């Protein structure tokens, strides 16, 4: 009788331990997946920033210098600045990979805000 009780108790404890290992494994896998997802979002954000910085430099060479030279006061008009903002977003989005755009969109990240922020920061650095 005691043997049957001990055997049943051992089986219950073994089942509980296996269940606990499974739960901990699932939890750990979820944590690792979340960490990888955050790393991927960070990489996609960095891709957007890099593409925006490159686009600012390209626009400076191909558009801005010409517009400033054609202007009487050597400055850009508000319309030209607005056009540059649109060009920055369009050309940066063209440079970004579809996977980065999709990942950032799925994560609820405002890609346009990242591009504008990186572009503005790049312009400020160029002015210094």
Protein backbone atom coordinates (compact mmCIF):
# COMPACT_ATOMS: atom_id res chain seq x y z
CA UNK A 1 0.00 0.00 0.00
CA UNK A 2 2.78 2.41 0.93
CA UNK A 3 4.58 1.54 -2.27
CA UNK A 4 1.53 2.46 -4.34
CA UNK A 5 1.17 5.80 -2.54
CA UNK A 6 4.90 6.60 -2.96
CA UNK A 7 4.82 5.56 -6.61
CA UNK A 8 1.77 7.76 -7.27
CA UNK A 9 3.36 10.71 -5.42
CA UNK A 10 6.56 10.33 -7.47
CA UNK A 11 4.54 10.28 -10.69
CA UNK A 12 2.65 13.43 -9.64
CA UNK A 13 5.88 15.23 -8.69
CA UNK A 14 7.52 14.17 -11.97
CA UNK A 15 4.51 15.43 -13.93
CA UNK A 16 4.60 18.74 -12.06
CA UNK A 17 8.33 19.13 -12.71
CA UNK A 18 7.90 18.40 -16.43
CA UNK A 19 5.02 20.87 -16.62
CA UNK A 20 7.08 23.51 -14.82
CA UNK A 21 10.00 22.95 -17.20
CA UNK A 22 7.63 23.34 -20.16
CA UNK A 23 6.14 26.54 -18.77
CA UNK A 24 9.58 28.00 -18.03
CA UNK A 25 10.79 27.02 -21.50
CA UNK A 26 7.81 28.73 -23.10
CA UNK A 27 8.32 31.85 -20.97
CA UNK A 28 12.02 31.97 -21.82
CA UNK A 29 11.30 31.50 -25.53
CA UNK A 30 8.80 34.38 -25.42
CA UNK A 31 11.36 36.62 -23.70
CA UNK A 32 14.04 35.78 -26.28
CA UNK A 33 11.58 36.40 -29.13
CA UNK A 34 10.64 39.78 -27.65
CA UNK A 35 14.30 40.71 -27.32
CA UNK A 36 14.95 39.71 -30.94
CA UNK A 37 11.91 41.70 -32.06
CA UNK A 38 13.22 44.79 -30.27
CA UNK A 39 16.65 44.29 -31.83
CA UNK A 40 15.03 44.03 -35.27
CA UNK A 41 13.00 47.21 -34.68
CA UNK A 42 16.18 48.99 -33.59
CA UNK A 43 17.98 47.82 -36.74
CA UNK A 44 15.08 48.99 -38.94
CA UNK A 45 15.07 52.37 -37.18
CA UNK A 46 18.79 52.71 -37.76
CA UNK A 47 18.25 51.85 -41.43
CA UNK A 48 15.68 54.64 -41.71
CA UNK A 49 18.00 57.13 -40.00
CA UNK A 50 20.94 56.21 -42.20
CA UNK A 51 18.85 56.44 -45.36
CA UNK A 52 17.52 59.85 -44.29
CA UNK A 53 21.03 61.16 -43.60
CA UNK A 54 22.25 59.95 -46.98
CA UNK A 55 19.25 61.52 -48.68
CA UNK A 56 19.93 64.88 -47.00
CA UNK A 57 23.46 64.84 -48.37
CA UNK A 58 22.21 63.91 -51.84
CA UNK A 59 19.57 66.65 -51.82
CA UNK A 60 22.17 69.16 -50.66
CA UNK A 61 24.32 68.38 -53.69
CA UNK A 62 21.63 67.94 -56.30
CA UNK A 63 18.92 70.43 -55.31
CA UNK A 64 19.63 72.79 -52.41
CA UNK A 65 22.83 74.35 -53.69
CA UNK A 66 21.20 75.13 -57.05
CA UNK A 67 18.09 76.62 -55.46
CA UNK A 68 20.17 78.79 -53.14
CA UNK A 69 22.32 79.99 -56.04
CA UNK A 70 19.20 80.90 -58.02
CA UNK A 71 17.69 82.79 -55.10
CA UNK A 72 18.32 86.54 -54.81
CA UNK A 73 19.01 86.35 -51.09
CA UNK A 74 20.75 82.96 -51.22
CA UNK A 75 18.10 81.36 -49.01
CA UNK A 76 15.38 78.82 -49.59
CA UNK A 77 11.74 79.88 -49.69
CA UNK A 78 9.09 78.23 -47.51
CA UNK A 79 7.73 76.41 -50.57
CA UNK A 80 11.19 75.08 -51.41
CA UNK A 81 11.66 73.89 -47.84
CA UNK A 82 8.29 72.12 -48.00
CA UNK A 83 9.28 70.52 -51.31
CA UNK A 84 12.57 69.36 -49.78
CA UNK A 85 10.69 67.77 -46.90
CA UNK A 86 8.53 65.82 -49.32
CA UNK A 87 11.55 64.82 -51.39
CA UNK A 88 13.38 63.71 -48.24
CA UNK A 89 10.56 61.40 -47.22
CA UNK A 90 10.00 59.99 -50.73
CA UNK A 91 13.66 59.34 -51.51
CA UNK A 92 14.39 57.91 -48.06
CA UNK A 93 11.44 55.52 -48.33
CA UNK A 94 12.79 54.38 -51.71
CA UNK A 95 16.14 53.56 -50.09
CA UNK A 96 14.67 51.56 -47.22
CA UNK A 97 14.09 47.84 -47.54
CA UNK A 98 10.52 46.59 -47.61
CA UNK A 99 11.20 44.42 -44.58
CA UNK A 100 12.34 47.42 -42.51
CA UNK A 101 9.31 49.46 -43.58
CA UNK A 102 6.95 46.58 -42.83
CA UNK A 103 8.53 45.90 -39.44
CA UNK A 104 8.36 49.54 -38.36
CA UNK A 105 4.78 49.85 -39.59
CA UNK A 106 3.76 46.67 -37.75
CA UNK A 107 5.41 47.99 -34.58
CA UNK A 108 3.38 51.20 -34.86
CA UNK A 109 6.42 53.38 -35.49
CA UNK A 110 5.92 56.64 -37.39
CA UNK A 111 8.52 56.23 -40.14
CA UNK A 112 7.89 59.73 -41.46
CA UNK A 113 8.68 61.23 -38.05
CA UNK A 114 11.94 59.27 -37.87
CA UNK A 115 12.92 60.46 -41.34
CA UNK A 116 12.05 64.09 -40.62
CA UNK A 117 13.88 64.00 -37.28
CA UNK A 118 16.99 62.45 -38.76
CA UNK A 119 16.88 64.88 -41.68
CA UNK A 120 16.54 67.92 -39.43
CA UNK A 121 19.36 66.71 -37.21
CA UNK A 122 21.57 66.18 -40.25
CA UNK A 123 20.83 69.68 -41.55
CA UNK A 124 21.66 71.17 -38.14
CA UNK A 125 24.96 69.28 -38.07
CA UNK A 126 25.77 70.54 -41.55
CA UNK A 127 25.12 74.15 -40.48
CA UNK A 128 27.66 73.90 -37.67
